[in-house]
Amino acid sequence: MLGDAPRVILSHGNAHRVCESPRNVSDEIIRGVAATGGVVELCAFPAFVSSDAVPTLDQMIDHAVHIAELVGPEYIGLGFYFADEDENDYDYFGYDERYYPRPPWTWPAGISWWEEAANITPALSRRGFSMDEIIGIMGETFMRAFDQSWVTPPTPTSTMSMSSCHGGPCPS
């Protein structure tokens, strides 16, 4: 059950202001997500990080810095979007070349696959994020958004009026 106002999770939502991919989102959308208490996920997909042939982890962190300056680090999460598709997968899944260039994809240097995920912490630290902010970006922001969105439904009462049982025996 949802709480008072659902939080928006914008998965794979890098900042258009940092990299002009048509798949990235505007500052207005980032502000709107933050206004709900939601989370914007940083994405490592190369064409969403930079227009460079081989983007870098620092260029991905540029998105975090921009979003943090715009709305605060408490609205940033991670959604790496690592995918190992080849040309056949690309055609099968129907990727749109306006947003996703054809593979092979060269992931950002320093965060080219899951085993390099630990590089995020020192990269964020070098850019001025505190340890609490980094912990948030690494997952706590999602936990906050989920915790604020999902509530336990009320426990049904064990007594029912006769009218609610349509004249028959009420279940216990």
Protein backbone atom coordinates (compact mmCIF):
# COMPACT_ATOMS: atom_id res chain seq x y z
CA MET A 1 0.00 0.00 0.00
CA LEU A 2 1.32 3.46 -0.84
CA GLY A 3 1.86 6.21 1.69
CA ASP A 4 0.43 9.70 1.29
CA ALA A 5 2.45 10.57 -1.83
CA PRO A 6 4.23 7.98 -3.94
CA ARG A 7 7.90 8.59 -4.49
CA VAL A 8 9.06 8.62 -8.10
CA ILE A 9 12.06 6.43 -8.89
CA LEU A 10 13.64 7.60 -12.12
CA SER A 11 15.75 4.66 -13.18
CA HIS A 12 18.73 5.26 -15.41
CA GLY A 13 18.18 9.00 -15.27
CA ASN A 14 21.36 10.89 -15.97
CA ALA A 15 21.25 14.66 -16.38
CA HIS A 16 20.64 16.03 -19.87
CA ARG A 17 22.49 19.20 -18.83
CA VAL A 18 25.69 17.12 -18.40
CA CYS A 19 25.27 14.85 -21.46
CA GLU A 20 22.79 15.77 -24.16
CA SER A 21 21.56 12.24 -24.82
CA PRO A 22 17.84 12.32 -25.65
CA ARG A 23 17.47 9.54 -23.06
CA ASN A 24 18.75 11.75 -20.22
CA VAL A 25 16.38 13.95 -18.23
CA SER A 26 15.98 17.69 -17.85
CA ASP A 27 16.59 19.68 -14.69
CA GLU A 28 12.83 20.24 -14.50
CA ILE A 29 12.19 16.49 -14.34
CA ILE A 30 14.97 16.00 -11.77
CA ARG A 31 13.37 18.71 -9.61
CA GLY A 32 9.99 17.02 -10.01
CA VAL A 33 11.36 13.65 -8.87
CA ALA A 34 12.99 15.29 -5.85
CA ALA A 35 9.73 17.08 -5.02
CA THR A 36 8.08 13.68 -4.56
CA GLY A 37 10.92 12.54 -2.26
CA GLY A 38 12.01 10.12 -4.98
CA VAL A 39 15.36 9.07 -6.40
CA VAL A 40 17.20 9.70 -9.68
CA GLU A 41 19.45 6.75 -10.55
CA LEU A 42 22.85 7.42 -12.05
CA CYS A 43 23.42 5.18 -15.03
CA ALA A 44 26.72 3.90 -16.44
CA PHE A 45 25.38 3.25 -19.95
CA PRO A 46 28.08 4.88 -22.14
CA ALA A 47 25.85 7.03 -24.34
CA PHE A 48 24.04 8.39 -21.26
CA VAL A 49 27.31 9.34 -19.51
CA SER A 50 29.14 11.20 -22.28
CA SER A 51 29.35 11.61 -26.02
CA ASP A 52 33.02 10.55 -25.80
CA ALA A 53 33.92 7.22 -27.40
CA VAL A 54 35.12 5.93 -24.04
CA PRO A 55 33.44 7.76 -21.15
CA THR A 56 34.93 7.71 -17.66
CA LEU A 57 33.77 7.16 -14.12
CA ASP A 58 34.51 10.83 -13.41
CA GLN A 59 32.12 11.80 -16.21
CA MET A 60 29.45 9.65 -14.57
CA ILE A 61 30.18 11.42 -11.28
CA ASP A 62 29.64 14.74 -13.13
CA HIS A 63 25.97 13.72 -13.26
CA ALA A 64 25.94 13.14 -9.48
CA VAL A 65 27.53 16.53 -8.86
CA HIS A 66 25.00 18.27 -11.10
CA ILE A 67 22.02 16.54 -9.50
CA ALA A 68 23.38 17.20 -5.99
CA GLU A 69 23.85 20.89 -6.78
CA LEU A 70 20.35 21.03 -8.27
CA VAL A 71 18.30 19.18 -5.63
CA GLY A 72 20.67 17.60 -3.10
CA PRO A 73 22.49 14.27 -2.85
CA GLU A 74 19.61 12.70 -0.93
CA TYR A 75 17.81 12.21 -4.27
CA ILE A 76 20.62 10.31 -6.03
CA GLY A 77 20.91 6.54 -6.37
CA LEU A 78 22.68 4.07 -8.63
CA GLY A 79 21.31 2.03 -11.53
CA PHE A 80 24.35 0.96 -13.51
CA TYR A 81 22.38 -0.65 -16.35
CA PHE A 82 25.21 -2.99 -17.26
CA ALA A 83 24.17 -5.06 -20.25
CA ASP A 84 26.17 -7.44 -22.37
CA GLU A 85 24.05 -7.43 -25.52
CA ASP A 86 25.47 -8.16 -28.92
CA GLU A 87 24.04 -7.20 -32.33
CA ASN A 88 21.54 -10.09 -32.25
CA ASP A 89 20.27 -9.11 -28.79
CA TYR A 90 20.05 -5.48 -29.88
CA ASP A 91 17.78 -6.40 -32.78
CA TYR A 92 15.80 -8.93 -30.74
CA PHE A 93 15.05 -6.47 -27.93
CA GLY A 94 14.27 -3.68 -30.40
CA TYR A 95 16.61 -1.01 -29.09
CA ASP A 96 16.00 2.40 -30.59
CA GLU A 97 19.14 3.89 -32.18
CA ARG A 98 18.01 7.40 -31.23
CA TYR A 99 18.76 6.45 -27.62
CA TYR A 100 21.02 3.41 -27.73
CA PRO A 101 23.86 3.17 -30.23
CA ARG A 102 24.48 -0.28 -31.66
CA PRO A 103 26.86 -2.53 -29.69
CA PRO A 104 29.55 -3.23 -28.85
CA TRP A 105 29.33 -0.79 -25.97
CA THR A 106 32.41 0.49 -24.15
CA TRP A 107 31.49 1.08 -20.53
CA PRO A 108 33.04 4.00 -18.67
CA ALA A 109 36.67 3.54 -17.68
CA GLY A 110 36.74 2.93 -13.93
CA ILE A 111 33.21 1.51 -13.81
CA SER A 112 33.22 -0.86 -16.74
CA TRP A 113 31.45 -3.72 -14.97
CA TRP A 114 30.15 -4.90 -11.59
CA GLU A 115 33.57 -5.73 -10.17
CA GLU A 116 34.49 -2.04 -10.41
CA ALA A 117 31.43 -0.81 -8.48
CA ALA A 118 33.66 -0.23 -5.43
CA ASN A 119 35.31 2.60 -7.40
CA ILE A 120 32.17 4.71 -6.91
CA THR A 121 32.92 5.48 -3.25
CA PRO A 122 36.38 7.04 -3.72
CA ALA A 123 35.22 8.83 -6.90
CA LEU A 124 32.33 10.46 -5.03
CA SER A 125 34.62 11.30 -2.11
CA ARG A 126 37.14 13.00 -4.41
CA ARG A 127 34.31 15.18 -5.71
CA GLY A 128 33.38 16.36 -2.22
CA PHE A 129 30.57 14.03 -1.19
CA SER A 130 30.56 13.16 2.52
CA MET A 131 30.53 9.55 3.68
CA ASP A 132 26.86 9.90 4.73
CA GLU A 133 25.99 11.23 1.26
CA ILE A 134 27.92 8.38 -0.37
CA ILE A 135 26.11 5.80 1.77
CA GLY A 136 22.87 7.39 0.63
CA ILE A 137 23.84 7.26 -3.03
CA MET A 138 25.01 3.65 -2.64
CA GLY A 139 21.54 2.58 -1.51
CA GLU A 140 20.15 4.43 1.50
CA THR A 141 18.23 6.91 -0.67
CA PHE A 142 16.26 4.02 -2.13
CA MET A 143 15.59 2.62 1.33
CA ARG A 144 14.31 6.04 2.45
CA ALA A 145 12.05 6.40 -0.58
CA PHE A 146 10.70 2.87 -0.17
CA ASP A 147 10.25 3.30 3.59
CA GLN A 148 8.32 6.53 3.05
CA SER A 149 6.20 5.03 0.26
CA TRP A 150 5.21 1.61 1.53
CA VAL A 151 3.12 1.39 4.66
CA THR A 152 1.62 -1.59 6.42
CA PRO A 153 -2.11 -1.82 5.71
CA PRO A 154 -4.37 -1.61 8.75
CA THR A 155 -5.20 -4.91 10.42
CA PRO A 156 -8.81 -5.89 9.74
CA THR A 157 -11.02 -5.93 12.81
CA SER A 158 -12.35 -9.28 13.93
CA THR A 159 -15.85 -7.97 14.55
CA MET A 160 -18.23 -7.20 11.72
CA SER A 161 -21.74 -5.91 11.76
CA MET A 162 -24.53 -8.15 10.58
CA SER A 163 -25.18 -5.81 7.66
CA SER A 164 -21.64 -6.28 6.39
CA CYS A 165 -22.21 -10.06 6.19
CA HIS A 166 -25.33 -9.67 4.05
CA GLY A 167 -27.50 -11.43 6.59
CA GLY A 168 -25.38 -14.62 6.66
CA PRO A 169 -22.73 -15.80 9.08
CA CYS A 170 -19.71 -13.52 9.22
CA PRO A 171 -16.28 -15.05 8.80
CA SER A 172 -14.22 -15.12 11.95
